[in-house]
Amino acid sequence: MNIDRRTFGFGTLAVSLGLTAAELSAGENKPMDFEVTKTEDEWRELLTPEQFYVLRQHGTERARTSPLDKIYDPGVYKCAGCGQELFTSQTKFDSRTGWPSFYAPIDGKVGTSSDRSFFMVRTEVHCSRCGGHLGHVFNDGPKPTGLRYCINGLAMNFEPEQGAAATEKSGS
């Protein structure tokens, strides 16, 4: 699902006003159709303050603060907001940026929008199920896609494959 930042902004506005996406409709501003919608209070109850800042307010965690950056065990990375599977460990790589990075998401599980903040144009990545802000995607990744999905660790939870325990890779 590709949307522009303006349209996504109205979905965020709806959340901040305590409305569901379906309740927000005015002229050309179409509501966001996410399977999982919650009020701001419901999101605040579900998420930690740090997760709320990243997922619902488009924040960014500090580089090198997420333990998920150094986990390379077999498993899946899920949205911390709604639990949707987003990325597998098979597409994870060490970008040396200080954030978990992947060269591809699971098909259909993330959407993108144009982010024109901070006097630049970037491609924002969000969960296609709940609209939670995950991070950004850049064109400087490895083969086979050439993409680098630079994702906030706070936006995800890691679920190891059955029988595998998560371990951190040391060094940087």
C-alpha atoms as a PDB file:
ATOM      1  CA  MET A   1       0.000   0.000   0.000  1.00  0.00           C
ATOM      2  CA  ASN A   2       1.648   3.244  -1.128  1.00  0.00           C
ATOM      3  CA  ILE A   3       0.355   6.526   0.234  1.00  0.00           C
ATOM      4  CA  ASP A   4       1.681  10.046   0.297  1.00  0.00           C
ATOM      5  CA  ARG A   5       2.800  11.767   3.499  1.00  0.00           C
ATOM      6  CA  ARG A   6      -0.194  14.168   3.409  1.00  0.00           C
ATOM      7  CA  THR A   7      -2.701  11.321   3.350  1.00  0.00           C
ATOM      8  CA  PHE A   8      -0.743   9.434   5.999  1.00  0.00           C
ATOM      9  CA  GLY A   9      -0.646  12.634   8.060  1.00  0.00           C
ATOM     10  CA  PHE A  10      -4.427  12.726   8.141  1.00  0.00           C
ATOM     11  CA  GLY A  11      -4.436   9.158   9.476  1.00  0.00           C
ATOM     12  CA  THR A  12      -2.000  10.262  12.172  1.00  0.00           C
ATOM     13  CA  LEU A  13      -4.202  13.297  12.857  1.00  0.00           C
ATOM     14  CA  ALA A  14      -7.162  10.994  13.324  1.00  0.00           C
ATOM     15  CA  VAL A  15      -5.229   8.945  15.867  1.00  0.00           C
ATOM     16  CA  SER A  16      -4.086  12.049  17.756  1.00  0.00           C
ATOM     17  CA  LEU A  17      -7.679  13.292  17.888  1.00  0.00           C
ATOM     18  CA  GLY A  18      -8.863   9.941  19.196  1.00  0.00           C
ATOM     19  CA  LEU A  19     -10.699   9.060  15.991  1.00  0.00           C
ATOM     20  CA  THR A  20     -10.526   5.895  13.986  1.00  0.00           C
ATOM     21  CA  ALA A  21      -9.473   6.204  10.372  1.00  0.00           C
ATOM     22  CA  ALA A  22     -13.062   5.477   9.340  1.00  0.00           C
ATOM     23  CA  GLU A  23     -14.282   8.452  11.376  1.00  0.00           C
ATOM     24  CA  LEU A  24     -11.989  10.873   9.562  1.00  0.00           C
ATOM     25  CA  SER A  25     -13.442  12.061   6.279  1.00  0.00           C
ATOM     26  CA  ALA A  26     -13.500  15.511   4.792  1.00  0.00           C
ATOM     27  CA  GLY A  27     -13.540  16.444   1.112  1.00  0.00           C
ATOM     28  CA  GLU A  28     -10.511  15.067  -0.741  1.00  0.00           C
ATOM     29  CA  ASN A  29      -8.807  13.872   2.453  1.00  0.00           C
ATOM     30  CA  LYS A  30      -9.547  10.169   2.455  1.00  0.00           C
ATOM     31  CA  PRO A  31      -9.361   8.133   5.654  1.00  0.00           C
ATOM     32  CA  MET A  32      -6.680   5.524   6.033  1.00  0.00           C
ATOM     33  CA  ASP A  33      -7.945   1.986   5.783  1.00  0.00           C
ATOM     34  CA  PHE A  34      -5.860  -0.010   8.204  1.00  0.00           C
ATOM     35  CA  GLU A  35      -7.109  -3.315   9.544  1.00  0.00           C
ATOM     36  CA  VAL A  36      -6.009  -2.341  13.066  1.00  0.00           C
ATOM     37  CA  THR A  37      -7.101   1.082  14.314  1.00  0.00           C
ATOM     38  CA  LYS A  38      -7.069   2.379  17.859  1.00  0.00           C
ATOM     39  CA  THR A  39      -7.555   5.655  19.659  1.00  0.00           C
ATOM     40  CA  GLU A  40      -4.512   7.510  20.948  1.00  0.00           C
ATOM     41  CA  ASP A  41      -5.354   6.367  24.492  1.00  0.00           C
ATOM     42  CA  GLU A  42      -5.604   2.732  23.356  1.00  0.00           C
ATOM     43  CA  TRP A  43      -2.198   2.975  21.618  1.00  0.00           C
ATOM     44  CA  ARG A  44      -0.675   4.593  24.724  1.00  0.00           C
ATOM     45  CA  GLU A  45      -2.023   1.758  26.885  1.00  0.00           C
ATOM     46  CA  LEU A  46      -0.637  -0.906  24.529  1.00  0.00           C
ATOM     47  CA  LEU A  47       2.798   0.604  23.818  1.00  0.00           C
ATOM     48  CA  THR A  48       5.661   1.846  25.952  1.00  0.00           C
ATOM     49  CA  PRO A  49       6.189   5.633  25.760  1.00  0.00           C
ATOM     50  CA  GLU A  50       9.223   5.045  23.528  1.00  0.00           C
ATOM     51  CA  GLN A  51       7.289   2.738  21.188  1.00  0.00           C
ATOM     52  CA  PHE A  52       4.414   5.225  21.035  1.00  0.00           C
ATOM     53  CA  TYR A  53       6.862   7.987  20.060  1.00  0.00           C
ATOM     54  CA  VAL A  54       8.286   5.909  17.204  1.00  0.00           C
ATOM     55  CA  LEU A  55       5.199   4.074  15.923  1.00  0.00           C
ATOM     56  CA  ARG A  56       2.504   6.720  16.355  1.00  0.00           C
ATOM     57  CA  GLN A  57       4.446  10.025  16.292  1.00  0.00           C
ATOM     58  CA  HIS A  58       6.987   9.151  13.571  1.00  0.00           C
ATOM     59  CA  GLY A  59       9.908   9.343  15.972  1.00  0.00           C
ATOM     60  CA  THR A  60      13.345   7.793  15.608  1.00  0.00           C
ATOM     61  CA  GLU A  61      15.267   5.950  18.292  1.00  0.00           C
ATOM     62  CA  ARG A  62      18.923   6.800  18.803  1.00  0.00           C
ATOM     63  CA  ALA A  63      21.341   4.771  16.698  1.00  0.00           C
ATOM     64  CA  ARG A  64      22.959   1.761  18.352  1.00  0.00           C
ATOM     65  CA  THR A  65      20.410   1.594  21.169  1.00  0.00           C
ATOM     66  CA  SER A  66      18.336  -1.359  19.934  1.00  0.00           C
ATOM     67  CA  PRO A  67      19.391  -4.891  20.847  1.00  0.00           C
ATOM     68  CA  LEU A  68      17.586  -6.004  17.669  1.00  0.00           C
ATOM     69  CA  ASP A  69      20.368  -4.402  15.596  1.00  0.00           C
ATOM     70  CA  LYS A  70      22.780  -7.211  16.490  1.00  0.00           C
ATOM     71  CA  ILE A  71      20.416 -10.198  16.475  1.00  0.00           C
ATOM     72  CA  TYR A  72      20.906 -12.413  13.411  1.00  0.00           C
ATOM     73  CA  ASP A  73      19.334 -15.658  14.592  1.00  0.00           C
ATOM     74  CA  PRO A  74      16.637 -17.329  12.484  1.00  0.00           C
ATOM     75  CA  GLY A  75      13.247 -15.816  13.142  1.00  0.00           C
ATOM     76  CA  VAL A  76      10.784 -13.108  12.250  1.00  0.00           C
ATOM     77  CA  TYR A  77      10.478  -9.441  13.152  1.00  0.00           C
ATOM     78  CA  LYS A  78       6.930  -8.355  14.013  1.00  0.00           C
ATOM     79  CA  CYS A  79       5.258  -4.961  14.375  1.00  0.00           C
ATOM     80  CA  ALA A  80       5.299  -3.939  18.048  1.00  0.00           C
ATOM     81  CA  GLY A  81       1.910  -2.277  17.524  1.00  0.00           C
ATOM     82  CA  CYS A  82      -0.178  -5.028  15.976  1.00  0.00           C
ATOM     83  CA  GLY A  83       2.000  -8.150  15.801  1.00  0.00           C
ATOM     84  CA  GLN A  84       2.054  -8.410  12.000  1.00  0.00           C
ATOM     85  CA  GLU A  85       5.117 -10.194  10.610  1.00  0.00           C
ATOM     86  CA  LEU A  86       7.209  -7.600   8.736  1.00  0.00           C
ATOM     87  CA  PHE A  87      10.706  -8.960   8.022  1.00  0.00           C
ATOM     88  CA  THR A  88      12.513 -12.284   8.264  1.00  0.00           C
ATOM     89  CA  SER A  89      16.049 -12.818   9.486  1.00  0.00           C
ATOM     90  CA  GLN A  90      16.872 -14.136   6.000  1.00  0.00           C
ATOM     91  CA  THR A  91      16.766 -10.572   4.607  1.00  0.00           C
ATOM     92  CA  LYS A  92      18.577  -8.919   7.534  1.00  0.00           C
ATOM     93  CA  PHE A  93      22.097  -7.545   7.102  1.00  0.00           C
ATOM     94  CA  ASP A  94      24.586  -5.444   9.054  1.00  0.00           C
ATOM     95  CA  SER A  95      24.383  -1.968   7.531  1.00  0.00           C
ATOM     96  CA  ARG A  96      26.632  -0.519  10.255  1.00  0.00           C
ATOM     97  CA  THR A  97      24.148   2.334  10.671  1.00  0.00           C
ATOM     98  CA  GLY A  98      23.096   1.389  14.201  1.00  0.00           C
ATOM     99  CA  TRP A  99      19.557   0.348  13.243  1.00  0.00           C
ATOM    100  CA  PRO A 100      18.214  -3.071  12.233  1.00  0.00           C
ATOM    101  CA  SER A 101      18.399  -3.228   8.425  1.00  0.00           C
ATOM    102  CA  PHE A 102      16.795  -5.503   5.866  1.00  0.00           C
ATOM    103  CA  TYR A 103      16.990  -5.670   2.077  1.00  0.00           C
ATOM    104  CA  ALA A 104      13.328  -6.712   1.684  1.00  0.00           C
ATOM    105  CA  PRO A 105      10.128  -6.925   3.749  1.00  0.00           C
ATOM    106  CA  ILE A 106       7.688  -9.817   3.704  1.00  0.00           C
ATOM    107  CA  ASP A 107       5.454  -9.248   0.658  1.00  0.00           C
ATOM    108  CA  GLY A 108       2.539  -6.895   1.348  1.00  0.00           C
ATOM    109  CA  LYS A 109       3.423  -6.322   4.998  1.00  0.00           C
ATOM    110  CA  VAL A 110       4.807  -2.783   4.766  1.00  0.00           C
ATOM    111  CA  GLY A 111       3.696   0.322   2.940  1.00  0.00           C
ATOM    112  CA  THR A 112       5.556   3.474   2.001  1.00  0.00           C
ATOM    113  CA  SER A 113       4.868   7.173   1.898  1.00  0.00           C
ATOM    114  CA  SER A 114       6.794  10.288   0.930  1.00  0.00           C
ATOM    115  CA  ASP A 115       8.469  11.976   3.910  1.00  0.00           C
ATOM    116  CA  ARG A 116       9.450  15.584   3.233  1.00  0.00           C
ATOM    117  CA  SER A 117      10.553  16.470   6.757  1.00  0.00           C
ATOM    118  CA  PHE A 118      13.959  17.920   7.681  1.00  0.00           C
ATOM    119  CA  PHE A 119      14.356  19.648   4.281  1.00  0.00           C
ATOM    120  CA  MET A 120      14.801  16.378   2.382  1.00  0.00           C
ATOM    121  CA  VAL A 121      12.719  13.775   0.627  1.00  0.00           C
ATOM    122  CA  ARG A 122      12.824  10.245   2.013  1.00  0.00           C
ATOM    123  CA  THR A 123      10.624   7.193   1.688  1.00  0.00           C
ATOM    124  CA  GLU A 124       8.933   6.374   4.979  1.00  0.00           C
ATOM    125  CA  VAL A 125       8.054   2.759   5.792  1.00  0.00           C
ATOM    126  CA  HIS A 126       4.957   1.853   7.812  1.00  0.00           C
ATOM    127  CA  CYS A 127       3.139  -1.308   8.856  1.00  0.00           C
ATOM    128  CA  SER A 128       0.438  -2.086   6.300  1.00  0.00           C
ATOM    129  CA  ARG A 129      -1.858  -3.466   9.017  1.00  0.00           C
ATOM    130  CA  CYS A 130      -1.844  -0.660  11.631  1.00  0.00           C
ATOM    131  CA  GLY A 131      -0.014   2.227   9.918  1.00  0.00           C
ATOM    132  CA  GLY A 132       2.711   2.332  12.569  1.00  0.00           C
ATOM    133  CA  HIS A 133       5.865   4.214  11.531  1.00  0.00           C
ATOM    134  CA  LEU A 134       8.748   1.766  11.182  1.00  0.00           C
ATOM    135  CA  GLY A 135      11.575   3.774   9.619  1.00  0.00           C
ATOM    136  CA  HIS A 136      12.767   4.605   6.093  1.00  0.00           C
ATOM    137  CA  VAL A 137      13.970   2.783   2.982  1.00  0.00           C
ATOM    138  CA  PHE A 138      17.047   3.856   1.001  1.00  0.00           C
ATOM    139  CA  ASN A 139      18.595   2.820  -2.334  1.00  0.00           C
ATOM    140  CA  ASP A 140      21.986   1.858  -0.893  1.00  0.00           C
ATOM    141  CA  GLY A 141      21.374  -1.717   0.194  1.00  0.00           C
ATOM    142  CA  PRO A 142      22.859  -5.028  -0.911  1.00  0.00           C
ATOM    143  CA  LYS A 143      21.765  -7.350  -3.696  1.00  0.00           C
ATOM    144  CA  PRO A 144      19.352  -8.684  -4.694  1.00  0.00           C
ATOM    145  CA  THR A 145      17.140  -5.582  -4.169  1.00  0.00           C
ATOM    146  CA  GLY A 146      19.658  -2.792  -3.649  1.00  0.00           C
ATOM    147  CA  LEU A 147      17.382  -1.481  -0.872  1.00  0.00           C
ATOM    148  CA  ARG A 148      18.089  -0.813   2.800  1.00  0.00           C
ATOM    149  CA  TYR A 149      15.030  -0.836   5.038  1.00  0.00           C
ATOM    150  CA  CYS A 150      16.415   1.063   8.041  1.00  0.00           C
ATOM    151  CA  ILE A 151      13.962   0.175  10.812  1.00  0.00           C
ATOM    152  CA  ASN A 152      13.590   1.374  14.388  1.00  0.00           C
ATOM    153  CA  GLY A 153      14.112  -1.551  16.755  1.00  0.00           C
ATOM    154  CA  LEU A 154      11.430  -0.094  19.062  1.00  0.00           C
ATOM    155  CA  ALA A 155       8.899  -0.595  16.266  1.00  0.00           C
ATOM    156  CA  MET A 156       9.435  -4.359  16.233  1.00  0.00           C
ATOM    157  CA  ASN A 157       9.562  -7.486  18.352  1.00  0.00           C
ATOM    158  CA  PHE A 158      11.756 -10.432  17.381  1.00  0.00           C
ATOM    159  CA  GLU A 159      10.335 -13.944  17.485  1.00  0.00           C
ATOM    160  CA  PRO A 160      13.017 -16.645  17.156  1.00  0.00           C
ATOM    161  CA  GLU A 161      12.288 -19.741  15.120  1.00  0.00           C
ATOM    162  CA  GLN A 162      11.052 -22.679  17.183  1.00  0.00           C
ATOM    163  CA  GLY A 163      14.021 -24.111  19.076  1.00  0.00           C
ATOM    164  CA  ALA A 164      16.325 -21.150  18.359  1.00  0.00           C
ATOM    165  CA  ALA A 165      17.305 -18.647  21.047  1.00  0.00           C
ATOM    166  CA  ALA A 166      18.123 -15.033  20.203  1.00  0.00           C
ATOM    167  CA  THR A 167      21.784 -14.138  20.633  1.00  0.00           C
ATOM    168  CA  GLU A 168      23.554 -10.873  19.952  1.00  0.00           C
ATOM    169  CA  LYS A 169      26.406 -10.571  17.498  1.00  0.00           C
ATOM    170  CA  SER A 170      29.212  -8.613  19.072  1.00  0.00           C
ATOM    171  CA  GLY A 171      31.340  -5.948  17.469  1.00  0.00           C
ATOM    172  CA  SER A 172      30.486  -3.115  15.164  1.00  0.00           C
END
